[in-house]
PDB file of N, CA and C in Angstrom:
ATOM      1  N   MET A   1      85.228 157.327 -35.775  1.00  0.00           N
ATOM      2  CA  MET A   1      84.393 156.603 -36.703  1.00  0.00           C
ATOM      3  C   MET A   1      85.023 155.243 -36.998  1.00  0.00           C
ATOM      4  N   THR A   2      84.229 154.197 -36.925  1.00  0.00           N
ATOM      5  CA  THR A   2      84.711 152.845 -37.158  1.00  0.00           C
ATOM      6  C   THR A   2      84.531 152.477 -38.622  1.00  0.00           C
ATOM      7  N   ALA A   3      85.562 151.914 -39.211  1.00  0.00           N
ATOM      8  CA  ALA A   3      85.475 151.480 -40.604  1.00  0.00           C
ATOM      9  C   ALA A   3      84.584 150.246 -40.680  1.00  0.00           C
ATOM     10  N   ARG A   4      83.716 150.220 -41.658  1.00  0.00           N
ATOM     11  CA  ARG A   4      82.822 149.104 -41.842  1.00  0.00           C
ATOM     12  C   ARG A   4      83.480 148.078 -42.757  1.00  0.00           C
ATOM     13  N   ARG A   5      83.446 146.822 -42.359  1.00  0.00           N
ATOM     14  CA  ARG A   5      84.039 145.766 -43.169  1.00  0.00           C
ATOM     15  C   ARG A   5      83.113 145.434 -44.321  1.00  0.00           C
ATOM     16  N   LYS A   6      83.693 145.064 -45.427  1.00  0.00           N
ATOM     17  CA  LYS A   6      82.935 144.768 -46.638  1.00  0.00           C
ATOM     18  C   LYS A   6      82.274 143.402 -46.517  1.00  0.00           C
ATOM     19  N   ARG A   7      81.000 143.380 -46.843  1.00  0.00           N
ATOM     20  CA  ARG A   7      80.268 142.120 -46.856  1.00  0.00           C
ATOM     21  C   ARG A   7      80.277 141.540 -48.261  1.00  0.00           C
ATOM     22  N   GLY A   8      80.306 140.246 -48.309  1.00  0.00           N
ATOM     23  CA  GLY A   8      80.199 139.536 -49.572  1.00  0.00           C
ATOM     24  C   GLY A   8      81.521 138.978 -50.059  1.00  0.00           C
ATOM     25  N   ILE A   9      81.454 137.742 -50.519  1.00  0.00           N
ATOM     26  CA  ILE A   9      82.598 137.048 -51.091  1.00  0.00           C
ATOM     27  C   ILE A   9      82.048 136.057 -52.099  1.00  0.00           C
ATOM     28  N   SER A  10      82.721 135.891 -53.189  1.00  0.00           N
ATOM     29  CA  SER A  10      82.295 134.889 -54.177  1.00  0.00           C
ATOM     30  C   SER A  10      82.902 133.538 -53.798  1.00  0.00           C
ATOM     31  N   PHE A  11      82.313 132.484 -54.327  1.00  0.00           N
ATOM     32  CA  PHE A  11      82.888 131.168 -54.075  1.00  0.00           C
ATOM     33  C   PHE A  11      84.286 131.075 -54.661  1.00  0.00           C
ATOM     34  N   GLU A  12      84.512 131.735 -55.789  1.00  0.00           N
ATOM     35  CA  GLU A  12      85.838 131.722 -56.413  1.00  0.00           C
ATOM     36  C   GLU A  12      86.874 132.391 -55.502  1.00  0.00           C
ATOM     37  N   GLN A  13      86.494 133.493 -54.871  1.00  0.00           N
ATOM     38  CA  GLN A  13      87.404 134.166 -53.933  1.00  0.00           C
ATOM     39  C   GLN A  13      87.678 133.273 -52.722  1.00  0.00           C
ATOM     40  N   LEU A  14      86.636 132.622 -52.213  1.00  0.00           N
ATOM     41  CA  LEU A  14      86.799 131.721 -51.079  1.00  0.00           C
ATOM     42  C   LEU A  14      87.704 130.551 -51.458  1.00  0.00           C
ATOM     43  N   SER A  15      87.522 130.015 -52.654  1.00  0.00           N
ATOM     44  CA  SER A  15      88.368 128.910 -53.116  1.00  0.00           C
ATOM     45  C   SER A  15      89.831 129.322 -53.205  1.00  0.00           C
ATOM     46  N   GLY A  16      90.063 130.532 -53.700  1.00  0.00           N
ATOM     47  CA  GLY A  16      91.433 131.033 -53.777  1.00  0.00           C
ATOM     48  C   GLY A  16      92.083 131.096 -52.412  1.00  0.00           C
ATOM     49  N   PHE A  17      91.340 131.573 -51.416  1.00  0.00           N
ATOM     50  CA  PHE A  17      91.876 131.607 -50.059  1.00  0.00           C
ATOM     51  C   PHE A  17      92.082 130.191 -49.534  1.00  0.00           C
ATOM     52  N   ALA A  18      91.125 129.304 -49.767  1.00  0.00           N
ATOM     53  CA  ALA A  18      91.204 127.931 -49.260  1.00  0.00           C
ATOM     54  C   ALA A  18      92.454 127.220 -49.756  1.00  0.00           C
ATOM     55  N   ARG A  19      92.863 127.528 -50.977  1.00  0.00           N
ATOM     56  CA  ARG A  19      94.048 126.876 -51.556  1.00  0.00           C
ATOM     57  C   ARG A  19      95.334 127.219 -50.800  1.00  0.00           C
ATOM     58  N   THR A  20      95.303 128.213 -49.940  1.00  0.00           N
ATOM     59  CA  THR A  20      96.489 128.558 -49.150  1.00  0.00           C
ATOM     60  C   THR A  20      96.641 127.665 -47.920  1.00  0.00           C
ATOM     61  N   LEU A  21      95.622 126.884 -47.612  1.00  0.00           N
ATOM     62  CA  LEU A  21      95.655 126.030 -46.419  1.00  0.00           C
ATOM     63  C   LEU A  21      96.372 124.722 -46.729  1.00  0.00           C
ATOM     64  N   PRO A  22      97.428 124.398 -45.993  1.00  0.00           N
ATOM     65  CA  PRO A  22      98.184 123.171 -46.255  1.00  0.00           C
ATOM     66  C   PRO A  22      97.306 121.923 -46.185  1.00  0.00           C
ATOM     67  N   GLY A  23      97.441 121.072 -47.180  1.00  0.00           N
ATOM     68  CA  GLY A  23      96.731 119.804 -47.187  1.00  0.00           C
ATOM     69  C   GLY A  23      95.272 119.878 -47.592  1.00  0.00           C
ATOM     70  N   LEU A  24      94.787 121.055 -47.949  1.00  0.00           N
ATOM     71  CA  LEU A  24      93.394 121.162 -48.369  1.00  0.00           C
ATOM     72  C   LEU A  24      93.222 120.422 -49.690  1.00  0.00           C
ATOM     73  N   GLU A  25      92.197 119.605 -49.767  1.00  0.00           N
ATOM     74  CA  GLU A  25      91.902 118.838 -50.971  1.00  0.00           C
ATOM     75  C   GLU A  25      90.639 119.390 -51.602  1.00  0.00           C
ATOM     76  N   GLU A  26      90.682 119.639 -52.897  1.00  0.00           N
ATOM     77  CA  GLU A  26      89.495 120.088 -53.616  1.00  0.00           C
ATOM     78  C   GLU A  26      88.897 118.908 -54.360  1.00  0.00           C
ATOM     79  N   GLY A  27      87.587 118.868 -54.375  1.00  0.00           N
ATOM     80  CA  GLY A  27      86.886 117.813 -55.078  1.00  0.00           C
ATOM     81  C   GLY A  27      85.435 118.195 -55.227  1.00  0.00           C
ATOM     82  N   PHE A  28      84.572 117.187 -55.188  1.00  0.00           N
ATOM     83  CA  PHE A  28      83.144 117.432 -55.330  1.00  0.00           C
ATOM     84  C   PHE A  28      82.375 116.658 -54.273  1.00  0.00           C
ATOM     85  N   SER A  29      81.242 117.209 -53.882  1.00  0.00           N
ATOM     86  CA  SER A  29      80.317 116.559 -52.976  1.00  0.00           C
ATOM     87  C   SER A  29      78.912 116.890 -53.464  1.00  0.00           C
ATOM     88  N   TYR A  30      78.128 115.866 -53.739  1.00  0.00           N
ATOM     89  CA  TYR A  30      76.785 116.062 -54.283  1.00  0.00           C
ATOM     90  C   TYR A  30      76.812 116.942 -55.534  1.00  0.00           C
ATOM     91  N   GLY A  31      77.849 116.777 -56.342  1.00  0.00           N
ATOM     92  CA  GLY A  31      77.955 117.478 -57.610  1.00  0.00           C
ATOM     93  C   GLY A  31      78.406 118.922 -57.535  1.00  0.00           C
ATOM     94  N   THR A  32      78.812 119.389 -56.351  1.00  0.00           N
ATOM     95  CA  THR A  32      79.282 120.765 -56.214  1.00  0.00           C
ATOM     96  C   THR A  32      80.716 120.772 -55.689  1.00  0.00           C
ATOM     97  N   PRO A  33      81.472 121.838 -55.982  1.00  0.00           N
ATOM     98  CA  PRO A  33      82.846 121.927 -55.476  1.00  0.00           C
ATOM     99  C   PRO A  33      82.870 121.832 -53.952  1.00  0.00           C
ATOM    100  N   ALA A  34      83.849 121.082 -53.461  1.00  0.00           N
ATOM    101  CA  ALA A  34      83.947 120.834 -52.023  1.00  0.00           C
ATOM    102  C   ALA A  34      85.403 120.835 -51.576  1.00  0.00           C
ATOM    103  N   PHE A  35      85.589 121.041 -50.270  1.00  0.00           N
ATOM    104  CA  PHE A  35      86.909 121.017 -49.650  1.00  0.00           C
ATOM    105  C   PHE A  35      86.944 119.921 -48.590  1.00  0.00           C
ATOM    106  N   ARG A  36      88.073 119.229 -48.556  1.00  0.00           N
ATOM    107  CA  ARG A  36      88.313 118.216 -47.530  1.00  0.00           C
ATOM    108  C   ARG A  36      89.721 118.415 -46.985  1.00  0.00           C
ATOM    109  N   VAL A  37      89.927 117.899 -45.798  1.00  0.00           N
ATOM    110  CA  VAL A  37      91.247 117.880 -45.168  1.00  0.00           C
ATOM    111  C   VAL A  37      91.436 116.463 -44.639  1.00  0.00           C
ATOM    112  N   ARG A  38      92.481 115.826 -45.087  1.00  0.00           N
ATOM    113  CA  ARG A  38      92.752 114.435 -44.700  1.00  0.00           C
ATOM    114  C   ARG A  38      91.529 113.551 -44.954  1.00  0.00           C
ATOM    115  N   LYS A  39      90.886 113.773 -46.092  1.00  0.00           N
ATOM    116  CA  LYS A  39      89.711 113.034 -46.560  1.00  0.00           C
ATOM    117  C   LYS A  39      88.452 113.305 -45.741  1.00  0.00           C
ATOM    118  N   LYS A  40      88.509 114.268 -44.819  1.00  0.00           N
ATOM    119  CA  LYS A  40      87.347 114.619 -44.003  1.00  0.00           C
ATOM    120  C   LYS A  40      86.706 115.899 -44.550  1.00  0.00           C
ATOM    121  N   PHE A  41      85.395 115.892 -44.613  1.00  0.00           N
ATOM    122  CA  PHE A  41      84.635 117.002 -45.177  1.00  0.00           C
ATOM    123  C   PHE A  41      84.823 118.286 -44.382  1.00  0.00           C
ATOM    124  N   LEU A  42      85.138 119.374 -45.084  1.00  0.00           N
ATOM    125  CA  LEU A  42      85.246 120.704 -44.478  1.00  0.00           C
ATOM    126  C   LEU A  42      84.104 121.604 -44.929  1.00  0.00           C
ATOM    127  N   GLY A  43      83.810 121.616 -46.217  1.00  0.00           N
ATOM    128  CA  GLY A  43      82.737 122.476 -46.700  1.00  0.00           C
ATOM    129  C   GLY A  43      82.496 122.278 -48.181  1.00  0.00           C
ATOM    130  N   ARG A  44      81.362 122.838 -48.655  1.00  0.00           N
ATOM    131  CA  ARG A  44      81.053 122.738 -50.073  1.00  0.00           C
ATOM    132  C   ARG A  44      80.146 123.877 -50.503  1.00  0.00           C
ATOM    133  N   GLN A  45      80.157 124.104 -51.794  1.00  0.00           N
ATOM    134  CA  GLN A  45      79.313 125.118 -52.409  1.00  0.00           C
ATOM    135  C   GLN A  45      77.863 124.639 -52.399  1.00  0.00           C
ATOM    136  N   LEU A  46      76.941 125.582 -52.188  1.00  0.00           N
ATOM    137  CA  LEU A  46      75.508 125.303 -52.262  1.00  0.00           C
ATOM    138  C   LEU A  46      74.853 126.329 -53.170  1.00  0.00           C
ATOM    139  N   ASP A  47      73.651 126.022 -53.619  1.00  0.00           N
ATOM    140  CA  ASP A  47      72.798 127.001 -54.311  1.00  0.00           C
ATOM    141  C   ASP A  47      73.516 127.729 -55.444  1.00  0.00           C
ATOM    142  N   ALA A  48      74.162 126.980 -56.320  1.00  0.00           N
ATOM    143  CA  ALA A  48      74.849 127.553 -57.480  1.00  0.00           C
ATOM    144  C   ALA A  48      75.817 128.670 -57.093  1.00  0.00           C
ATOM    145  N   GLY A  49      76.479 128.498 -55.969  1.00  0.00           N
ATOM    146  CA  GLY A  49      77.483 129.476 -55.545  1.00  0.00           C
ATOM    147  C   GLY A  49      76.955 130.597 -54.672  1.00  0.00           C
ATOM    148  N   GLU A  50      75.675 130.580 -54.347  1.00  0.00           N
ATOM    149  CA  GLU A  50      75.094 131.623 -53.495  1.00  0.00           C
ATOM    150  C   GLU A  50      75.414 131.398 -52.016  1.00  0.00           C
ATOM    151  N   SER A  51      75.636 130.135 -51.654  1.00  0.00           N
ATOM    152  CA  SER A  51      75.883 129.785 -50.255  1.00  0.00           C
ATOM    153  C   SER A  51      77.022 128.779 -50.169  1.00  0.00           C
ATOM    154  N   PHE A  52      77.507 128.612 -48.955  1.00  0.00           N
ATOM    155  CA  PHE A  52      78.580 127.669 -48.661  1.00  0.00           C
ATOM    156  C   PHE A  52      78.240 127.009 -47.343  1.00  0.00           C
ATOM    157  N   VAL A  53      78.399 125.707 -47.243  1.00  0.00           N
ATOM    158  CA  VAL A  53      78.177 125.024 -45.979  1.00  0.00           C
ATOM    159  C   VAL A  53      79.547 124.630 -45.438  1.00  0.00           C
ATOM    160  N   ILE A  54      79.750 124.900 -44.152  1.00  0.00           N
ATOM    161  CA  ILE A  54      81.048 124.649 -43.525  1.00  0.00           C
ATOM    162  C   ILE A  54      80.864 123.878 -42.228  1.00  0.00           C
ATOM    163  N   ARG A  55      81.823 123.009 -41.953  1.00  0.00           N
ATOM    164  CA  ARG A  55      81.812 122.207 -40.726  1.00  0.00           C
ATOM    165  C   ARG A  55      82.532 122.987 -39.627  1.00  0.00           C
ATOM    166  N   LEU A  56      81.812 123.225 -38.533  1.00  0.00           N
ATOM    167  CA  LEU A  56      82.366 123.883 -37.349  1.00  0.00           C
ATOM    168  C   LEU A  56      81.885 123.126 -36.124  1.00  0.00           C
ATOM    169  N   SER A  57      82.115 123.642 -34.941  1.00  0.00           N
ATOM    170  CA  SER A  57      81.536 123.034 -33.741  1.00  0.00           C
ATOM    171  C   SER A  57      80.074 123.468 -33.626  1.00  0.00           C
ATOM    172  N   PHE A  58      79.264 122.687 -32.917  1.00  0.00           N
ATOM    173  CA  PHE A  58      77.866 123.065 -32.692  1.00  0.00           C
ATOM    174  C   PHE A  58      77.777 124.422 -32.001  1.00  0.00           C
ATOM    175  N   GLU A  59      78.623 124.632 -31.001  1.00  0.00           N
ATOM    176  CA  GLU A  59      78.588 125.884 -30.242  1.00  0.00           C
ATOM    177  C   GLU A  59      78.893 127.087 -31.141  1.00  0.00           C
ATOM    178  N   MET A  60      79.921 126.986 -31.938  1.00  0.00           N
ATOM    179  CA  MET A  60      80.282 128.079 -32.831  1.00  0.00           C
ATOM    180  C   MET A  60      79.165 128.321 -33.841  1.00  0.00           C
ATOM    181  N   ARG A  61      78.650 127.247 -34.397  1.00  0.00           N
ATOM    182  CA  ARG A  61      77.554 127.348 -35.367  1.00  0.00           C
ATOM    183  C   ARG A  61      76.371 128.106 -34.767  1.00  0.00           C
ATOM    184  N   ASP A  62      75.950 127.703 -33.584  1.00  0.00           N
ATOM    185  CA  ASP A  62      74.789 128.323 -32.953  1.00  0.00           C
ATOM    186  C   ASP A  62      75.046 129.778 -32.594  1.00  0.00           C
ATOM    187  N   ASP A  63      76.250 130.092 -32.137  1.00  0.00           N
ATOM    188  CA  ASP A  63      76.600 131.477 -31.810  1.00  0.00           C
ATOM    189  C   ASP A  63      76.561 132.368 -33.052  1.00  0.00           C
ATOM    190  N   LEU A  64      77.046 131.858 -34.170  1.00  0.00           N
ATOM    191  CA  LEU A  64      77.054 132.642 -35.406  1.00  0.00           C
ATOM    192  C   LEU A  64      75.642 132.905 -35.909  1.00  0.00           C
ATOM    193  N   VAL A  65      74.781 131.904 -35.854  1.00  0.00           N
ATOM    194  CA  VAL A  65      73.390 132.079 -36.285  1.00  0.00           C
ATOM    195  C   VAL A  65      72.708 133.124 -35.413  1.00  0.00           C
ATOM    196  N   ALA A  66      72.955 133.075 -34.110  1.00  0.00           N
ATOM    197  CA  ALA A  66      72.341 134.045 -33.196  1.00  0.00           C
ATOM    198  C   ALA A  66      72.873 135.460 -33.441  1.00  0.00           C
ATOM    199  N   SER A  67      74.149 135.563 -33.808  1.00  0.00           N
ATOM    200  CA  SER A  67      74.756 136.885 -33.961  1.00  0.00           C
ATOM    201  C   SER A  67      74.438 137.547 -35.301  1.00  0.00           C
ATOM    202  N   ASP A  68      74.198 136.755 -36.353  1.00  0.00           N
ATOM    203  CA  ASP A  68      73.960 137.339 -37.678  1.00  0.00           C
ATOM    204  C   ASP A  68      73.111 136.391 -38.526  1.00  0.00           C
ATOM    205  N   PRO A  69      71.805 136.325 -38.241  1.00  0.00           N
ATOM    206  CA  PRO A  69      70.938 135.388 -38.982  1.00  0.00           C
ATOM    207  C   PRO A  69      70.763 135.733 -40.459  1.00  0.00           C
ATOM    208  N   LYS A  70      71.163 136.921 -40.852  1.00  0.00           N
ATOM    209  CA  LYS A  70      71.107 137.275 -42.271  1.00  0.00           C
ATOM    210  C   LYS A  70      72.219 136.551 -43.048  1.00  0.00           C
ATOM    211  N   ALA A  71      73.366 136.368 -42.418  1.00  0.00           N
ATOM    212  CA  ALA A  71      74.510 135.719 -43.059  1.00  0.00           C
ATOM    213  C   ALA A  71      74.584 134.219 -42.784  1.00  0.00           C
ATOM    214  N   PHE A  72      74.097 133.798 -41.626  1.00  0.00           N
ATOM    215  CA  PHE A  72      74.266 132.405 -41.201  1.00  0.00           C
ATOM    216  C   PHE A  72      72.920 131.756 -40.903  1.00  0.00           C
ATOM    217  N   VAL A  73      72.777 130.510 -41.322  1.00  0.00           N
ATOM    218  CA  VAL A  73      71.531 129.781 -41.091  1.00  0.00           C
ATOM    219  C   VAL A  73      71.836 128.291 -40.959  1.00  0.00           C
ATOM    220  N   VAL A  74      70.973 127.605 -40.244  1.00  0.00           N
ATOM    221  CA  VAL A  74      71.032 126.149 -40.174  1.00  0.00           C
ATOM    222  C   VAL A  74      69.714 125.648 -40.752  1.00  0.00           C
ATOM    223  N   THR A  75      69.807 124.976 -41.875  1.00  0.00           N
ATOM    224  CA  THR A  75      68.605 124.429 -42.498  1.00  0.00           C
ATOM    225  C   THR A  75      68.217 123.129 -41.793  1.00  0.00           C
ATOM    226  N   PRO A  76      66.976 122.697 -41.930  1.00  0.00           N
ATOM    227  CA  PRO A  76      66.562 121.443 -41.280  1.00  0.00           C
ATOM    228  C   PRO A  76      67.466 120.266 -41.625  1.00  0.00           C
ATOM    229  N   HIS A  77      67.978 120.228 -42.838  1.00  0.00           N
ATOM    230  CA  HIS A  77      68.865 119.141 -43.260  1.00  0.00           C
ATOM    231  C   HIS A  77      70.117 119.046 -42.381  1.00  0.00           C
ATOM    232  N   TYR A  78      70.609 120.195 -41.884  1.00  0.00           N
ATOM    233  CA  TYR A  78      71.864 120.226 -41.133  1.00  0.00           C
ATOM    234  C   TYR A  78      71.679 120.347 -39.619  1.00  0.00           C
ATOM    235  N   GLU A  79      70.447 120.326 -39.121  1.00  0.00           N
ATOM    236  CA  GLU A  79      70.225 120.524 -37.681  1.00  0.00           C
ATOM    237  C   GLU A  79      70.970 119.535 -36.801  1.00  0.00           C
ATOM    238  N   GLY A  80      71.074 118.310 -37.217  1.00  0.00           N
ATOM    239  CA  GLY A  80      71.723 117.293 -36.389  1.00  0.00           C
ATOM    240  C   GLY A  80      73.222 117.182 -36.589  1.00  0.00           C
ATOM    241  N   SER A  81      73.797 118.063 -37.378  1.00  0.00           N
ATOM    242  CA  SER A  81      75.235 118.010 -37.620  1.00  0.00           C
ATOM    243  C   SER A  81      75.840 119.398 -37.402  1.00  0.00           C
ATOM    244  N   PRO A  82      77.146 119.458 -37.202  1.00  0.00           N
ATOM    245  CA  PRO A  82      77.777 120.758 -36.928  1.00  0.00           C
ATOM    246  C   PRO A  82      78.058 121.560 -38.193  1.00  0.00           C
ATOM    247  N   MET A  83      77.075 121.626 -39.083  1.00  0.00           N
ATOM    248  CA  MET A  83      77.224 122.330 -40.352  1.00  0.00           C
ATOM    249  C   MET A  83      76.493 123.664 -40.308  1.00  0.00           C
ATOM    250  N   LEU A  84      77.113 124.654 -40.907  1.00  0.00           N
ATOM    251  CA  LEU A  84      76.574 126.006 -40.940  1.00  0.00           C
ATOM    252  C   LEU A  84      76.469 126.458 -42.391  1.00  0.00           C
ATOM    253  N   VAL A  85      75.292 126.937 -42.779  1.00  0.00           N
ATOM    254  CA  VAL A  85      75.109 127.483 -44.124  1.00  0.00           C
ATOM    255  C   VAL A  85      75.425 128.973 -44.060  1.00  0.00           C
ATOM    256  N   VAL A  86      76.309 129.404 -44.960  1.00  0.00           N
ATOM    257  CA  VAL A  86      76.753 130.793 -45.013  1.00  0.00           C
ATOM    258  C   VAL A  86      76.253 131.402 -46.317  1.00  0.00           C
ATOM    259  N   ARG A  87      75.523 132.488 -46.216  1.00  0.00           N
ATOM    260  CA  ARG A  87      75.088 133.214 -47.416  1.00  0.00           C
ATOM    261  C   ARG A  87      76.246 134.117 -47.840  1.00  0.00           C
ATOM    262  N   LEU A  88      76.860 133.790 -48.954  1.00  0.00           N
ATOM    263  CA  LEU A  88      78.098 134.448 -49.363  1.00  0.00           C
ATOM    264  C   LEU A  88      77.941 135.953 -49.610  1.00  0.00           C
ATOM    265  N   ALA A  89      76.806 136.398 -50.071  1.00  0.00           N
ATOM    266  CA  ALA A  89      76.601 137.824 -50.323  1.00  0.00           C
ATOM    267  C   ALA A  89      76.445 138.615 -49.028  1.00  0.00           C
ATOM    268  N   GLU A  90      76.151 137.935 -47.933  1.00  0.00           N
ATOM    269  CA  GLU A  90      75.853 138.613 -46.664  1.00  0.00           C
ATOM    270  C   GLU A  90      76.970 138.538 -45.631  1.00  0.00           C
ATOM    271  N   VAL A  91      77.933 137.674 -45.847  1.00  0.00           N
ATOM    272  CA  VAL A  91      78.960 137.447 -44.826  1.00  0.00           C
ATOM    273  C   VAL A  91      80.141 138.397 -45.011  1.00  0.00           C
ATOM    274  N   ASP A  92      80.770 138.745 -43.922  1.00  0.00           N
ATOM    275  CA  ASP A  92      82.016 139.499 -43.961  1.00  0.00           C
ATOM    276  C   ASP A  92      83.111 138.557 -44.465  1.00  0.00           C
ATOM    277  N   ARG A  93      83.823 139.000 -45.495  1.00  0.00           N
ATOM    278  CA  ARG A  93      84.833 138.153 -46.125  1.00  0.00           C
ATOM    279  C   ARG A  93      85.893 137.684 -45.122  1.00  0.00           C
ATOM    280  N   GLY A  94      86.424 138.597 -44.335  1.00  0.00           N
ATOM    281  CA  GLY A  94      87.452 138.230 -43.362  1.00  0.00           C
ATOM    282  C   GLY A  94      86.944 137.228 -42.342  1.00  0.00           C
ATOM    283  N   LEU A  95      85.699 137.398 -41.924  1.00  0.00           N
ATOM    284  CA  LEU A  95      85.118 136.462 -40.958  1.00  0.00           C
ATOM    285  C   LEU A  95      85.003 135.072 -41.570  1.00  0.00           C
ATOM    286  N   LEU A  96      84.531 134.976 -42.801  1.00  0.00           N
ATOM    287  CA  LEU A  96      84.411 133.655 -43.423  1.00  0.00           C
ATOM    288  C   LEU A  96      85.783 133.017 -43.622  1.00  0.00           C
ATOM    289  N   GLU A  97      86.771 133.794 -43.992  1.00  0.00           N
ATOM    290  CA  GLU A  97      88.117 133.241 -44.111  1.00  0.00           C
ATOM    291  C   GLU A  97      88.598 132.719 -42.758  1.00  0.00           C
ATOM    292  N   ASP A  98      88.326 133.464 -41.678  1.00  0.00           N
ATOM    293  CA  ASP A  98      88.683 133.008 -40.329  1.00  0.00           C
ATOM    294  C   ASP A  98      87.950 131.713 -39.970  1.00  0.00           C
ATOM    295  N   LEU A  99      86.678 131.627 -40.345  1.00  0.00           N
ATOM    296  CA  LEU A  99      85.906 130.416 -40.055  1.00  0.00           C
ATOM    297  C   LEU A  99      86.443 129.220 -40.839  1.00  0.00           C
ATOM    298  N   LEU A 100      86.856 129.457 -42.075  1.00  0.00           N
ATOM    299  CA  LEU A 100      87.434 128.381 -42.870  1.00  0.00           C
ATOM    300  C   LEU A 100      88.720 127.872 -42.220  1.00  0.00           C
ATOM    301  N   VAL A 101      89.538 128.780 -41.728  1.00  0.00           N
ATOM    302  CA  VAL A 101      90.766 128.385 -41.027  1.00  0.00           C
ATOM    303  C   VAL A 101      90.416 127.608 -39.761  1.00  0.00           C
ATOM    304  N   THR A 102      89.420 128.062 -39.018  1.00  0.00           N
ATOM    305  CA  THR A 102      89.003 127.371 -37.794  1.00  0.00           C
ATOM    306  C   THR A 102      88.557 125.950 -38.105  1.00  0.00           C
ATOM    307  N   GLY A 103      87.712 125.792 -39.124  1.00  0.00           N
ATOM    308  CA  GLY A 103      87.265 124.458 -39.518  1.00  0.00           C
ATOM    309  C   GLY A 103      88.418 123.593 -39.998  1.00  0.00           C
ATOM    310  N   TRP A 104      89.322 124.198 -40.773  1.00  0.00           N
ATOM    311  CA  TRP A 104      90.490 123.481 -41.267  1.00  0.00           C
ATOM    312  C   TRP A 104      91.350 122.990 -40.097  1.00  0.00           C
ATOM    313  N   LYS A 105      91.558 123.847 -39.098  1.00  0.00           N
ATOM    314  CA  LYS A 105      92.380 123.475 -37.941  1.00  0.00           C
ATOM    315  C   LYS A 105      91.805 122.277 -37.186  1.00  0.00           C
ATOM    316  N   MET A 106      90.480 122.140 -37.189  1.00  0.00           N
ATOM    317  CA  MET A 106      89.834 121.018 -36.514  1.00  0.00           C
ATOM    318  C   MET A 106      90.154 119.689 -37.204  1.00  0.00           C
ATOM    319  N   LEU A 107      90.525 119.741 -38.473  1.00  0.00           N
ATOM    320  CA  LEU A 107      90.763 118.533 -39.263  1.00  0.00           C
ATOM    321  C   LEU A 107      92.225 118.306 -39.633  1.00  0.00           C
ATOM    322  N   ALA A 108      93.039 119.338 -39.543  1.00  0.00           N
ATOM    323  CA  ALA A 108      94.428 119.278 -40.005  1.00  0.00           C
ATOM    324  C   ALA A 108      95.305 118.423 -39.089  1.00  0.00           C
ATOM    325  N   SER A 109      96.358 117.886 -39.675  1.00  0.00           N
ATOM    326  CA  SER A 109      97.353 117.136 -38.907  1.00  0.00           C
ATOM    327  C   SER A 109      98.280 118.111 -38.173  1.00  0.00           C
ATOM    328  N   LYS A 110      99.052 117.603 -37.249  1.00  0.00           N
ATOM    329  CA  LYS A 110     100.019 118.447 -36.539  1.00  0.00           C
ATOM    330  C   LYS A 110     101.014 119.068 -37.515  1.00  0.00           C
ATOM    331  N   GLY A 111     101.431 118.301 -38.505  1.00  0.00           N
ATOM    332  CA  GLY A 111     102.368 118.803 -39.509  1.00  0.00           C
ATOM    333  C   GLY A 111     101.760 119.926 -40.335  1.00  0.00           C
ATOM    334  N   GLN A 112     100.504 119.771 -40.727  1.00  0.00           N
ATOM    335  CA  GLN A 112      99.819 120.814 -41.483  1.00  0.00           C
ATOM    336  C   GLN A 112      99.654 122.082 -40.644  1.00  0.00           C
ATOM    337  N   LEU A 113      99.327 121.900 -39.384  1.00  0.00           N
ATOM    338  CA  LEU A 113      99.199 123.055 -38.477  1.00  0.00           C
ATOM    339  C   LEU A 113     100.537 123.780 -38.347  1.00  0.00           C
ATOM    340  N   ALA A 114     101.602 123.017 -38.203  1.00  0.00           N
ATOM    341  CA  ALA A 114     102.931 123.628 -38.087  1.00  0.00           C
ATOM    342  C   ALA A 114     103.304 124.363 -39.361  1.00  0.00           C
ATOM    343  N   GLU A 115     102.954 123.804 -40.507  1.00  0.00           N
ATOM    344  CA  GLU A 115     103.236 124.472 -41.784  1.00  0.00           C
ATOM    345  C   GLU A 115     102.479 125.788 -41.892  1.00  0.00           C
ATOM    346  N   TRP A 116     101.227 125.818 -41.444  1.00  0.00           N
ATOM    347  CA  TRP A 116     100.404 127.032 -41.503  1.00  0.00           C
ATOM    348  C   TRP A 116     100.950 128.104 -40.551  1.00  0.00           C
ATOM    349  N   GLU A 117     101.334 127.687 -39.368  1.00  0.00           N
ATOM    350  CA  GLU A 117     101.781 128.640 -38.363  1.00  0.00           C
ATOM    351  C   GLU A 117     103.240 129.032 -38.545  1.00  0.00           C
ATOM    352  N   GLY A 118     103.990 128.229 -39.312  1.00  0.00           N
ATOM    353  CA  GLY A 118     105.422 128.447 -39.493  1.00  0.00           C
ATOM    354  C   GLY A 118     105.702 129.537 -40.426  1.00  0.00           C
TER     355      GLY A 118
END
């Protein structure tokens, strides 16, 4: 029997995990809490904390939407950019944490990467 992973994470839980990433900057974007790395946008809260938008590659974004459309969506606003909307109540917590690390790695400096892996 395979153990089922727990779905759902709050924005507060995600923020707590995000703070472990070297060089992550917290601020605001369009009036909502947001994360940046080296002044580059990584993600932000949407829909009063119900969703989170994260910057990934187009390929990864499209693969995630195809694999779990209940948790992942691309709204018309984000179609032309590598942004993925994540429904926090529907996503596997570990998967979203992994995606946050993946997005962070795309923006982090070599020193920040070494600090994370060290």
